[in-house]
Amino acid sequence: MDLTFALRTFARIVERGSLTAAARDLGISQPAVSKLLVKLETHTGSRLLERSARAMRPTADGLRLYKASGAALQTIDQAIDNVQRDRIGHVGRLRLHAPGCIGERHLARIAMAFQRKHAGVSIDLILHNSAIDLIHANVDLAIQLGRPSDRNVVAKRIGSSRRILVAAPSFVAEHGPFKSVASLADTAMIVTDASLSDNGTLALIAGKSTSRLRLKPVLRTNSTTVLLDAVKSGHGVGTAQVLLVSSELESGSLVRVLPRHEIEPSELYLTYPSARFLRPLIRSFIDFSLPLIRKVEGIVR
């Protein structure tokens, strides 16, 4: 029995709560995972997992083994990684998750820049706006809007992402000028869920003053691509993160509406599962990507 791989397999079963899910993550068959578990339990002389119809949970002995083996596996990974990195750079797969707005325009290019330094790294880039269970989804790192409430997640604050109102110049010429928050009351608005409060109002801040506008949007979407296409086509005034529209503002294909006002910003966090030891590859990507993300226009510390 390969004891190191058996311990990795056991750790994945604990984190996923399922032989099938662990097998899928490790790229081996479910019977192979089951056999490794039996061999590990025989080797330790102890039952490591409690099986039920819904999930598998570690026994007291299993939990002790899981916690103790993490540090040992991390030491092994670090030693191997040091040898590989000196010769060929990092090797392995990195699974990243982010909202579409920052993922498509910024994280993708940062990830590819990392790959140019480490050709042996493959990257899965998963983009959607909903929060996910990092361990269940087998995600190494995620960019998240808002501080995570999960205690099993480590969160590094990236900064605040500024939000503004934008529109196509043709829309402003036809429906403007917009000189006050009240002038938007009967305007076609295109919004994302993240820009609105729970009661459907839009908070607009100018200096120390905050105005709240109740909206009935003509289009509400969780897709930044849909929002951007609709605004650029002159369909209405849109709520957008600066990091999504900075190039359009520079080119003039979009203009700011009520430029003295900004929407309440969103907090951005870089998160990773604390239940899993931090592989050298993940730590290296954090060190590489965090300064670059913080330099994105529209993100402020």
C-alpha atoms as a PDB file:
ATOM      1  CA  MET A   1       0.000   0.000   0.000  1.00  0.00           C
ATOM      2  CA  ASP A   2       1.195   3.506  -0.889  1.00  0.00           C
ATOM      3  CA  LEU A   3       0.679   5.005   2.572  1.00  0.00           C
ATOM      4  CA  THR A   4       1.013   8.605   1.408  1.00  0.00           C
ATOM      5  CA  PHE A   5      -1.629   8.202  -1.286  1.00  0.00           C
ATOM      6  CA  ALA A   6      -3.866   6.276   1.106  1.00  0.00           C
ATOM      7  CA  LEU A   7      -3.688   9.189   3.562  1.00  0.00           C
ATOM      8  CA  ARG A   8      -4.480  11.677   0.778  1.00  0.00           C
ATOM      9  CA  THR A   9      -7.427   9.538  -0.233  1.00  0.00           C
ATOM     10  CA  PHE A  10      -8.666   9.326   3.346  1.00  0.00           C
ATOM     11  CA  ALA A  11      -8.375  13.119   3.735  1.00  0.00           C
ATOM     12  CA  ARG A  12     -10.425  13.642   0.586  1.00  0.00           C
ATOM     13  CA  ILE A  13     -13.132  11.261   1.823  1.00  0.00           C
ATOM     14  CA  VAL A  14     -13.333  13.236   5.084  1.00  0.00           C
ATOM     15  CA  GLU A  15     -13.554  16.550   3.229  1.00  0.00           C
ATOM     16  CA  ARG A  16     -16.130  15.342   0.713  1.00  0.00           C
ATOM     17  CA  GLY A  17     -18.100  12.967   2.920  1.00  0.00           C
ATOM     18  CA  SER A  18     -18.375  10.480   0.071  1.00  0.00           C
ATOM     19  CA  LEU A  19     -16.301   7.710  -1.528  1.00  0.00           C
ATOM     20  CA  THR A  20     -17.720   8.536  -4.939  1.00  0.00           C
ATOM     21  CA  ALA A  21     -16.913  12.244  -4.705  1.00  0.00           C
ATOM     22  CA  ALA A  22     -13.401  11.521  -3.418  1.00  0.00           C
ATOM     23  CA  ALA A  23     -12.830   9.090  -6.283  1.00  0.00           C
ATOM     24  CA  ARG A  24     -13.963  11.683  -8.817  1.00  0.00           C
ATOM     25  CA  ASP A  25     -11.643  14.320  -7.347  1.00  0.00           C
ATOM     26  CA  LEU A  26      -8.668  11.943  -7.301  1.00  0.00           C
ATOM     27  CA  GLY A  27      -9.322  10.519 -10.762  1.00  0.00           C
ATOM     28  CA  ILE A  28      -9.595   6.904  -9.627  1.00  0.00           C
ATOM     29  CA  SER A  29     -12.475   4.446  -9.341  1.00  0.00           C
ATOM     30  CA  GLN A  30     -14.804   4.238  -6.345  1.00  0.00           C
ATOM     31  CA  PRO A  31     -13.805   0.577  -5.667  1.00  0.00           C
ATOM     32  CA  ALA A  32     -10.145   1.678  -5.599  1.00  0.00           C
ATOM     33  CA  VAL A  33     -10.956   4.320  -2.984  1.00  0.00           C
ATOM     34  CA  SER A  34     -12.872   1.760  -0.936  1.00  0.00           C
ATOM     35  CA  LYS A  35      -9.956  -0.685  -1.036  1.00  0.00           C
ATOM     36  CA  LEU A  36      -7.501   1.998   0.054  1.00  0.00           C
ATOM     37  CA  LEU A  37      -9.746   2.884   2.978  1.00  0.00           C
ATOM     38  CA  VAL A  38      -9.990  -0.754   4.080  1.00  0.00           C
ATOM     39  CA  LYS A  39      -6.212  -1.142   3.854  1.00  0.00           C
ATOM     40  CA  LEU A  40      -5.646   2.039   5.853  1.00  0.00           C
ATOM     41  CA  GLU A  41      -8.071   0.915   8.556  1.00  0.00           C
ATOM     42  CA  THR A  42      -6.311  -2.465   8.673  1.00  0.00           C
ATOM     43  CA  HIS A  43      -2.936  -0.739   8.857  1.00  0.00           C
ATOM     44  CA  THR A  44      -4.013   1.523  11.736  1.00  0.00           C
ATOM     45  CA  GLY A  45      -6.035  -1.198  13.444  1.00  0.00           C
ATOM     46  CA  SER A  46      -8.920   1.217  13.892  1.00  0.00           C
ATOM     47  CA  ARG A  47     -12.212   2.110  12.258  1.00  0.00           C
ATOM     48  CA  LEU A  48     -11.667   5.542  10.719  1.00  0.00           C
ATOM     49  CA  LEU A  49     -15.061   6.371   9.240  1.00  0.00           C
ATOM     50  CA  GLU A  50     -18.669   5.955  10.240  1.00  0.00           C
ATOM     51  CA  ARG A  51     -20.822   5.042   7.256  1.00  0.00           C
ATOM     52  CA  SER A  52     -24.433   6.103   6.861  1.00  0.00           C
ATOM     53  CA  ALA A  53     -26.890   6.280   3.995  1.00  0.00           C
ATOM     54  CA  ARG A  54     -26.272  10.016   3.591  1.00  0.00           C
ATOM     55  CA  ALA A  55     -22.597  10.612   4.335  1.00  0.00           C
ATOM     56  CA  MET A  56     -19.364   9.334   5.815  1.00  0.00           C
ATOM     57  CA  ARG A  57     -18.004  11.001   8.937  1.00  0.00           C
ATOM     58  CA  PRO A  58     -14.672  10.429  10.693  1.00  0.00           C
ATOM     59  CA  THR A  59     -14.605   8.574  13.966  1.00  0.00           C
ATOM     60  CA  ALA A  60     -12.616  10.029  16.846  1.00  0.00           C
ATOM     61  CA  ASP A  61      -9.572   8.058  15.661  1.00  0.00           C
ATOM     62  CA  GLY A  62     -10.233   9.102  12.080  1.00  0.00           C
ATOM     63  CA  LEU A  63     -10.422  12.772  13.014  1.00  0.00           C
ATOM     64  CA  ARG A  64      -7.113  12.530  14.902  1.00  0.00           C
ATOM     65  CA  LEU A  65      -5.472  10.887  11.900  1.00  0.00           C
ATOM     66  CA  TYR A  66      -6.917  13.477   9.517  1.00  0.00           C
ATOM     67  CA  LYS A  67      -5.632  16.413  11.566  1.00  0.00           C
ATOM     68  CA  ALA A  68      -2.214  14.868  12.247  1.00  0.00           C
ATOM     69  CA  SER A  69      -1.541  13.685   8.690  1.00  0.00           C
ATOM     70  CA  GLY A  70      -2.208  17.097   7.132  1.00  0.00           C
ATOM     71  CA  ALA A  71       1.065  18.540   8.397  1.00  0.00           C
ATOM     72  CA  ALA A  72       3.026  15.463   7.272  1.00  0.00           C
ATOM     73  CA  LEU A  73       1.524  15.567   3.788  1.00  0.00           C
ATOM     74  CA  GLN A  74       2.249  19.276   3.582  1.00  0.00           C
ATOM     75  CA  THR A  75       5.905  18.629   4.454  1.00  0.00           C
ATOM     76  CA  ILE A  76       6.133  15.982   1.718  1.00  0.00           C
ATOM     77  CA  ASP A  77       4.492  18.284  -0.820  1.00  0.00           C
ATOM     78  CA  GLN A  78       6.790  21.134   0.141  1.00  0.00           C
ATOM     79  CA  ALA A  79       9.905  18.978  -0.299  1.00  0.00           C
ATOM     80  CA  ILE A  80       8.797  17.671  -3.693  1.00  0.00           C
ATOM     81  CA  ASP A  81       7.665  21.094  -4.798  1.00  0.00           C
ATOM     82  CA  ASN A  82      11.041  22.634  -3.904  1.00  0.00           C
ATOM     83  CA  VAL A  83      12.821  20.104  -6.110  1.00  0.00           C
ATOM     84  CA  GLN A  84      10.379  20.502  -9.009  1.00  0.00           C
ATOM     85  CA  ARG A  85      10.232  24.272  -8.766  1.00  0.00           C
ATOM     86  CA  ASP A  86      13.998  24.634  -9.026  1.00  0.00           C
ATOM     87  CA  ARG A  87      13.970  22.474 -12.155  1.00  0.00           C
ATOM     88  CA  ILE A  88      10.674  23.100 -13.982  1.00  0.00           C
ATOM     89  CA  GLY A  89       8.539  25.366 -11.772  1.00  0.00           C
ATOM     90  CA  HIS A  90       5.304  24.370 -10.039  1.00  0.00           C
ATOM     91  CA  VAL A  91       3.433  21.296 -11.266  1.00  0.00           C
ATOM     92  CA  GLY A  92      -0.201  20.385 -10.671  1.00  0.00           C
ATOM     93  CA  ARG A  93      -3.795  21.446 -11.103  1.00  0.00           C
ATOM     94  CA  LEU A  94      -5.261  24.623  -9.641  1.00  0.00           C
ATOM     95  CA  ARG A  95      -9.031  25.094  -9.386  1.00  0.00           C
ATOM     96  CA  LEU A  96     -10.140  28.720  -9.144  1.00  0.00           C
ATOM     97  CA  HIS A  97     -13.590  30.226  -8.684  1.00  0.00           C
ATOM     98  CA  ALA A  98     -14.660  33.853  -9.148  1.00  0.00           C
ATOM     99  CA  PRO A  99     -17.599  36.065 -10.104  1.00  0.00           C
ATOM    100  CA  GLY A 100     -17.816  36.593 -13.846  1.00  0.00           C
ATOM    101  CA  CYS A 101     -17.046  40.326 -13.661  1.00  0.00           C
ATOM    102  CA  ILE A 102     -13.555  39.894 -12.231  1.00  0.00           C
ATOM    103  CA  GLY A 103     -12.960  36.396 -13.577  1.00  0.00           C
ATOM    104  CA  GLU A 104     -13.424  37.088 -17.278  1.00  0.00           C
ATOM    105  CA  ARG A 105     -11.636  40.418 -17.392  1.00  0.00           C
ATOM    106  CA  HIS A 106      -8.894  40.042 -14.812  1.00  0.00           C
ATOM    107  CA  LEU A 107      -8.413  36.689 -13.081  1.00  0.00           C
ATOM    108  CA  ALA A 108      -8.154  34.836 -16.400  1.00  0.00           C
ATOM    109  CA  ARG A 109      -5.199  36.937 -17.578  1.00  0.00           C
ATOM    110  CA  ILE A 110      -3.545  36.708 -14.137  1.00  0.00           C
ATOM    111  CA  ALA A 111      -3.912  32.922 -14.191  1.00  0.00           C
ATOM    112  CA  MET A 112      -2.373  32.730 -17.671  1.00  0.00           C
ATOM    113  CA  ALA A 113       0.522  34.937 -16.568  1.00  0.00           C
ATOM    114  CA  PHE A 114       1.125  32.499 -13.703  1.00  0.00           C
ATOM    115  CA  GLN A 115       1.134  29.617 -16.187  1.00  0.00           C
ATOM    116  CA  ARG A 116       3.766  31.355 -18.296  1.00  0.00           C
ATOM    117  CA  LYS A 117       6.040  31.169 -15.242  1.00  0.00           C
ATOM    118  CA  HIS A 118       4.984  27.607 -14.377  1.00  0.00           C
ATOM    119  CA  ALA A 119       4.255  25.616 -17.537  1.00  0.00           C
ATOM    120  CA  GLY A 120       3.472  22.479 -15.533  1.00  0.00           C
ATOM    121  CA  VAL A 121       0.375  24.033 -13.944  1.00  0.00           C
ATOM    122  CA  SER A 122      -3.098  23.385 -15.348  1.00  0.00           C
ATOM    123  CA  ILE A 123      -5.960  25.652 -14.289  1.00  0.00           C
ATOM    124  CA  ASP A 124      -9.702  25.123 -13.976  1.00  0.00           C
ATOM    125  CA  LEU A 125     -11.376  28.540 -13.962  1.00  0.00           C
ATOM    126  CA  ILE A 126     -14.979  28.366 -12.728  1.00  0.00           C
ATOM    127  CA  LEU A 127     -16.925  31.582 -13.157  1.00  0.00           C
ATOM    128  CA  HIS A 128     -20.343  32.320 -11.689  1.00  0.00           C
ATOM    129  CA  ASN A 129     -21.634  34.777  -9.145  1.00  0.00           C
ATOM    130  CA  SER A 130     -23.106  32.444  -6.534  1.00  0.00           C
ATOM    131  CA  ALA A 131     -21.076  31.506  -3.477  1.00  0.00           C
ATOM    132  CA  ILE A 132     -20.015  27.868  -3.332  1.00  0.00           C
ATOM    133  CA  ASP A 133     -18.849  25.324  -0.788  1.00  0.00           C
ATOM    134  CA  LEU A 134     -15.136  25.296  -1.597  1.00  0.00           C
ATOM    135  CA  ILE A 135     -14.459  21.852  -0.149  1.00  0.00           C
ATOM    136  CA  HIS A 136     -17.503  20.216  -1.720  1.00  0.00           C
ATOM    137  CA  ALA A 137     -16.683  21.787  -5.096  1.00  0.00           C
ATOM    138  CA  ASN A 138     -12.987  20.862  -4.738  1.00  0.00           C
ATOM    139  CA  VAL A 139     -11.946  24.487  -5.293  1.00  0.00           C
ATOM    140  CA  ASP A 140      -8.491  25.614  -4.173  1.00  0.00           C
ATOM    141  CA  LEU A 141      -9.026  29.384  -4.229  1.00  0.00           C
ATOM    142  CA  ALA A 142     -11.991  31.668  -4.750  1.00  0.00           C
ATOM    143  CA  ILE A 143     -12.621  35.379  -5.088  1.00  0.00           C
ATOM    144  CA  GLN A 144     -15.809  36.183  -3.227  1.00  0.00           C
ATOM    145  CA  LEU A 145     -18.036  39.236  -2.897  1.00  0.00           C
ATOM    146  CA  GLY A 146     -18.596  39.838   0.806  1.00  0.00           C
ATOM    147  CA  ARG A 147     -16.941  38.260   3.832  1.00  0.00           C
ATOM    148  CA  PRO A 148     -17.630  34.509   3.979  1.00  0.00           C
ATOM    149  CA  SER A 149     -19.520  33.250   7.012  1.00  0.00           C
ATOM    150  CA  ASP A 150     -18.147  29.698   6.761  1.00  0.00           C
ATOM    151  CA  ARG A 151     -15.754  29.065   9.649  1.00  0.00           C
ATOM    152  CA  ASN A 152     -13.913  26.452   7.591  1.00  0.00           C
ATOM    153  CA  VAL A 153     -12.778  29.109   5.119  1.00  0.00           C
ATOM    154  CA  VAL A 154      -9.753  31.368   5.419  1.00  0.00           C
ATOM    155  CA  ALA A 155     -10.428  34.833   3.967  1.00  0.00           C
ATOM    156  CA  LYS A 156      -7.861  37.433   2.902  1.00  0.00           C
ATOM    157  CA  ARG A 157      -9.366  40.837   2.209  1.00  0.00           C
ATOM    158  CA  ILE A 158      -8.512  42.106  -1.264  1.00  0.00           C
ATOM    159  CA  GLY A 159     -10.228  45.483  -0.997  1.00  0.00           C
ATOM    160  CA  SER A 160     -13.433  47.270  -1.966  1.00  0.00           C
ATOM    161  CA  SER A 161     -14.766  47.114  -5.498  1.00  0.00           C
ATOM    162  CA  ARG A 162     -16.238  50.462  -6.576  1.00  0.00           C
ATOM    163  CA  ARG A 163     -19.676  50.462  -8.260  1.00  0.00           C
ATOM    164  CA  ILE A 164     -21.022  53.231 -10.494  1.00  0.00           C
ATOM    165  CA  LEU A 165     -23.832  54.046 -12.921  1.00  0.00           C
ATOM    166  CA  VAL A 166     -23.049  53.868 -16.642  1.00  0.00           C
ATOM    167  CA  ALA A 167     -24.894  54.218 -19.935  1.00  0.00           C
ATOM    168  CA  ALA A 168     -24.254  54.412 -23.657  1.00  0.00           C
ATOM    169  CA  PRO A 169     -23.731  57.986 -24.924  1.00  0.00           C
ATOM    170  CA  SER A 170     -26.720  57.518 -27.244  1.00  0.00           C
ATOM    171  CA  PHE A 171     -28.995  56.680 -24.291  1.00  0.00           C
ATOM    172  CA  VAL A 172     -27.865  59.776 -22.355  1.00  0.00           C
ATOM    173  CA  ALA A 173     -28.379  61.968 -25.417  1.00  0.00           C
ATOM    174  CA  GLU A 174     -31.938  60.673 -25.873  1.00  0.00           C
ATOM    175  CA  HIS A 175     -33.107  60.366 -22.265  1.00  0.00           C
ATOM    176  CA  GLY A 176     -30.826  62.729 -20.331  1.00  0.00           C
ATOM    177  CA  PRO A 177     -29.482  64.820 -18.949  1.00  0.00           C
ATOM    178  CA  PHE A 178     -29.429  63.152 -15.540  1.00  0.00           C
ATOM    179  CA  LYS A 179     -28.696  65.809 -12.938  1.00  0.00           C
ATOM    180  CA  SER A 180     -30.037  64.262  -9.748  1.00  0.00           C
ATOM    181  CA  VAL A 181     -30.899  60.904  -8.192  1.00  0.00           C
ATOM    182  CA  ALA A 182     -34.583  61.782  -8.598  1.00  0.00           C
ATOM    183  CA  SER A 183     -34.094  62.134 -12.373  1.00  0.00           C
ATOM    184  CA  LEU A 184     -33.470  58.373 -12.529  1.00  0.00           C
ATOM    185  CA  ALA A 185     -36.849  57.478 -11.025  1.00  0.00           C
ATOM    186  CA  ASP A 186     -38.565  56.880 -14.387  1.00  0.00           C
ATOM    187  CA  THR A 187     -35.443  55.788 -16.270  1.00  0.00           C
ATOM    188  CA  ALA A 188     -34.922  52.311 -17.695  1.00  0.00           C
ATOM    189  CA  MET A 189     -32.490  50.650 -15.285  1.00  0.00           C
ATOM    190  CA  ILE A 190     -30.406  47.511 -15.759  1.00  0.00           C
ATOM    191  CA  VAL A 191     -29.122  46.036 -12.508  1.00  0.00           C
ATOM    192  CA  THR A 192     -27.395  43.114 -10.874  1.00  0.00           C
ATOM    193  CA  ASP A 193     -28.651  41.604  -7.642  1.00  0.00           C
ATOM    194  CA  ALA A 194     -25.411  42.578  -5.869  1.00  0.00           C
ATOM    195  CA  SER A 195     -26.057  46.285  -6.452  1.00  0.00           C
ATOM    196  CA  LEU A 196     -29.458  46.359  -4.726  1.00  0.00           C
ATOM    197  CA  SER A 197     -30.373  46.143  -1.070  1.00  0.00           C
ATOM    198  CA  ASP A 198     -32.680  43.422   0.216  1.00  0.00           C
ATOM    199  CA  ASN A 199     -35.720  45.679  -0.198  1.00  0.00           C
ATOM    200  CA  GLY A 200     -34.874  46.506  -3.814  1.00  0.00           C
ATOM    201  CA  THR A 201     -33.452  49.975  -3.322  1.00  0.00           C
ATOM    202  CA  LEU A 202     -30.273  51.395  -4.790  1.00  0.00           C
ATOM    203  CA  ALA A 203     -28.011  53.317  -2.395  1.00  0.00           C
ATOM    204  CA  LEU A 204     -26.115  56.158  -4.084  1.00  0.00           C
ATOM    205  CA  ILE A 205     -23.364  57.905  -2.142  1.00  0.00           C
ATOM    206  CA  ALA A 206     -22.014  61.398  -2.789  1.00  0.00           C
ATOM    207  CA  GLY A 207     -19.456  62.392  -0.188  1.00  0.00           C
ATOM    208  CA  LYS A 208     -21.087  61.881   3.219  1.00  0.00           C
ATOM    209  CA  SER A 209     -24.615  61.923   1.805  1.00  0.00           C
ATOM    210  CA  THR A 210     -26.539  58.773   0.857  1.00  0.00           C
ATOM    211  CA  SER A 211     -29.671  58.745  -1.314  1.00  0.00           C
ATOM    212  CA  ARG A 212     -31.867  55.687  -1.743  1.00  0.00           C
ATOM    213  CA  LEU A 213     -33.729  55.061  -4.967  1.00  0.00           C
ATOM    214  CA  ARG A 214     -36.486  52.451  -5.205  1.00  0.00           C
ATOM    215  CA  LEU A 215     -36.265  50.738  -8.566  1.00  0.00           C
ATOM    216  CA  LYS A 216     -38.383  48.653 -10.907  1.00  0.00           C
ATOM    217  CA  PRO A 217     -35.623  47.557 -13.279  1.00  0.00           C
ATOM    218  CA  VAL A 218     -36.392  46.822 -16.916  1.00  0.00           C
ATOM    219  CA  LEU A 219     -33.704  44.122 -16.727  1.00  0.00           C
ATOM    220  CA  ARG A 220     -32.264  42.372 -13.710  1.00  0.00           C
ATOM    221  CA  THR A 221     -29.527  39.816 -14.286  1.00  0.00           C
ATOM    222  CA  ASN A 222     -26.703  37.949 -12.555  1.00  0.00           C
ATOM    223  CA  SER A 223     -24.710  37.903 -15.810  1.00  0.00           C
ATOM    224  CA  THR A 224     -22.195  40.699 -16.253  1.00  0.00           C
ATOM    225  CA  THR A 225     -21.994  39.877 -19.957  1.00  0.00           C
ATOM    226  CA  VAL A 226     -25.733  40.384 -20.377  1.00  0.00           C
ATOM    227  CA  LEU A 227     -25.626  43.608 -18.355  1.00  0.00           C
ATOM    228  CA  LEU A 228     -22.724  45.035 -20.320  1.00  0.00           C
ATOM    229  CA  ASP A 229     -24.231  44.132 -23.706  1.00  0.00           C
ATOM    230  CA  ALA A 230     -27.586  45.660 -22.724  1.00  0.00           C
ATOM    231  CA  VAL A 231     -26.057  48.910 -21.484  1.00  0.00           C
ATOM    232  CA  LYS A 232     -23.766  49.285 -24.506  1.00  0.00           C
ATOM    233  CA  SER A 233     -26.723  48.744 -26.832  1.00  0.00           C
ATOM    234  CA  GLY A 234     -28.532  51.718 -25.245  1.00  0.00           C
ATOM    235  CA  HIS A 235     -31.140  49.676 -23.380  1.00  0.00           C
ATOM    236  CA  GLY A 236     -30.831  51.685 -20.160  1.00  0.00           C
ATOM    237  CA  VAL A 237     -28.651  52.909 -17.303  1.00  0.00           C
ATOM    238  CA  GLY A 238     -26.685  50.106 -15.683  1.00  0.00           C
ATOM    239  CA  THR A 239     -25.125  49.424 -12.313  1.00  0.00           C
ATOM    240  CA  ALA A 240     -21.587  48.163 -12.801  1.00  0.00           C
ATOM    241  CA  GLN A 241     -18.337  47.573 -11.000  1.00  0.00           C
ATOM    242  CA  VAL A 242     -15.599  49.878 -12.262  1.00  0.00           C
ATOM    243  CA  LEU A 243     -13.373  46.848 -12.870  1.00  0.00           C
ATOM    244  CA  LEU A 244     -15.931  45.636 -15.433  1.00  0.00           C
ATOM    245  CA  VAL A 245     -16.292  48.859 -17.427  1.00  0.00           C
ATOM    246  CA  SER A 246     -12.954  50.689 -17.094  1.00  0.00           C
ATOM    247  CA  SER A 247     -11.911  50.020 -20.708  1.00  0.00           C
ATOM    248  CA  GLU A 248     -15.343  51.089 -22.052  1.00  0.00           C
ATOM    249  CA  LEU A 249     -15.184  54.322 -20.067  1.00  0.00           C
ATOM    250  CA  GLU A 250     -11.715  55.004 -21.426  1.00  0.00           C
ATOM    251  CA  SER A 251     -12.788  54.354 -25.032  1.00  0.00           C
ATOM    252  CA  GLY A 252     -15.994  56.378 -24.654  1.00  0.00           C
ATOM    253  CA  SER A 253     -18.347  53.532 -25.553  1.00  0.00           C
ATOM    254  CA  LEU A 254     -19.848  54.058 -22.088  1.00  0.00           C
ATOM    255  CA  VAL A 255     -20.120  57.189 -19.950  1.00  0.00           C
ATOM    256  CA  ARG A 256     -20.788  57.698 -16.260  1.00  0.00           C
ATOM    257  CA  VAL A 257     -24.229  58.776 -15.124  1.00  0.00           C
ATOM    258  CA  LEU A 258     -24.309  61.032 -12.050  1.00  0.00           C
ATOM    259  CA  PRO A 259     -20.482  60.996 -11.833  1.00  0.00           C
ATOM    260  CA  ARG A 260     -20.506  62.544  -8.343  1.00  0.00           C
ATOM    261  CA  HIS A 261     -22.386  59.510  -7.030  1.00  0.00           C
ATOM    262  CA  GLU A 262     -21.234  55.952  -6.465  1.00  0.00           C
ATOM    263  CA  ILE A 263     -23.127  52.840  -5.449  1.00  0.00           C
ATOM    264  CA  GLU A 264     -22.206  51.217  -2.145  1.00  0.00           C
ATOM    265  CA  PRO A 265     -19.034  49.216  -2.886  1.00  0.00           C
ATOM    266  CA  SER A 266     -18.629  45.475  -2.513  1.00  0.00           C
ATOM    267  CA  GLU A 267     -15.944  43.896  -0.346  1.00  0.00           C
ATOM    268  CA  LEU A 268     -13.750  41.388  -2.170  1.00  0.00           C
ATOM    269  CA  TYR A 269     -12.051  38.460  -0.424  1.00  0.00           C
ATOM    270  CA  LEU A 270      -9.620  35.787  -1.545  1.00  0.00           C
ATOM    271  CA  THR A 271     -10.713  32.579   0.171  1.00  0.00           C
ATOM    272  CA  TYR A 272      -9.472  29.027   0.536  1.00  0.00           C
ATOM    273  CA  PRO A 273     -10.518  26.027   2.632  1.00  0.00           C
ATOM    274  CA  SER A 274      -8.778  25.928   5.985  1.00  0.00           C
ATOM    275  CA  ALA A 275      -9.681  22.271   6.438  1.00  0.00           C
ATOM    276  CA  ARG A 276      -7.210  21.405   3.708  1.00  0.00           C
ATOM    277  CA  PHE A 277      -3.488  22.014   4.134  1.00  0.00           C
ATOM    278  CA  LEU A 278      -2.224  24.754   1.869  1.00  0.00           C
ATOM    279  CA  ARG A 279      -0.259  23.235  -0.998  1.00  0.00           C
ATOM    280  CA  PRO A 280       2.857  25.140  -2.078  1.00  0.00           C
ATOM    281  CA  LEU A 281       1.241  25.701  -5.475  1.00  0.00           C
ATOM    282  CA  ILE A 282      -1.735  27.445  -3.867  1.00  0.00           C
ATOM    283  CA  ARG A 283       0.459  29.561  -1.615  1.00  0.00           C
ATOM    284  CA  SER A 284       2.557  30.585  -4.612  1.00  0.00           C
ATOM    285  CA  PHE A 285      -0.524  31.584  -6.607  1.00  0.00           C
ATOM    286  CA  ILE A 286      -1.812  33.670  -3.689  1.00  0.00           C
ATOM    287  CA  ASP A 287       1.520  35.501  -3.457  1.00  0.00           C
ATOM    288  CA  PHE A 288       1.528  36.031  -7.233  1.00  0.00           C
ATOM    289  CA  SER A 289      -2.093  37.014  -7.780  1.00  0.00           C
ATOM    290  CA  LEU A 290      -3.042  39.110  -4.749  1.00  0.00           C
ATOM    291  CA  PRO A 291      -0.871  42.160  -5.603  1.00  0.00           C
ATOM    292  CA  LEU A 292      -2.063  42.028  -9.230  1.00  0.00           C
ATOM    293  CA  ILE A 293      -5.732  41.831  -8.259  1.00  0.00           C
ATOM    294  CA  ARG A 294      -5.303  44.795  -5.931  1.00  0.00           C
ATOM    295  CA  LYS A 295      -3.898  46.817  -8.855  1.00  0.00           C
ATOM    296  CA  VAL A 296      -7.057  46.334 -10.928  1.00  0.00           C
ATOM    297  CA  GLU A 297      -8.708  49.677 -11.631  1.00  0.00           C
ATOM    298  CA  GLY A 298     -11.764  50.069  -9.434  1.00  0.00           C
ATOM    299  CA  ILE A 299     -10.409  48.088  -6.473  1.00  0.00           C
ATOM    300  CA  VAL A 300      -9.330  50.202  -3.502  1.00  0.00           C
ATOM    301  CA  ARG A 301      -7.754  49.131  -0.229  1.00  0.00           C
END
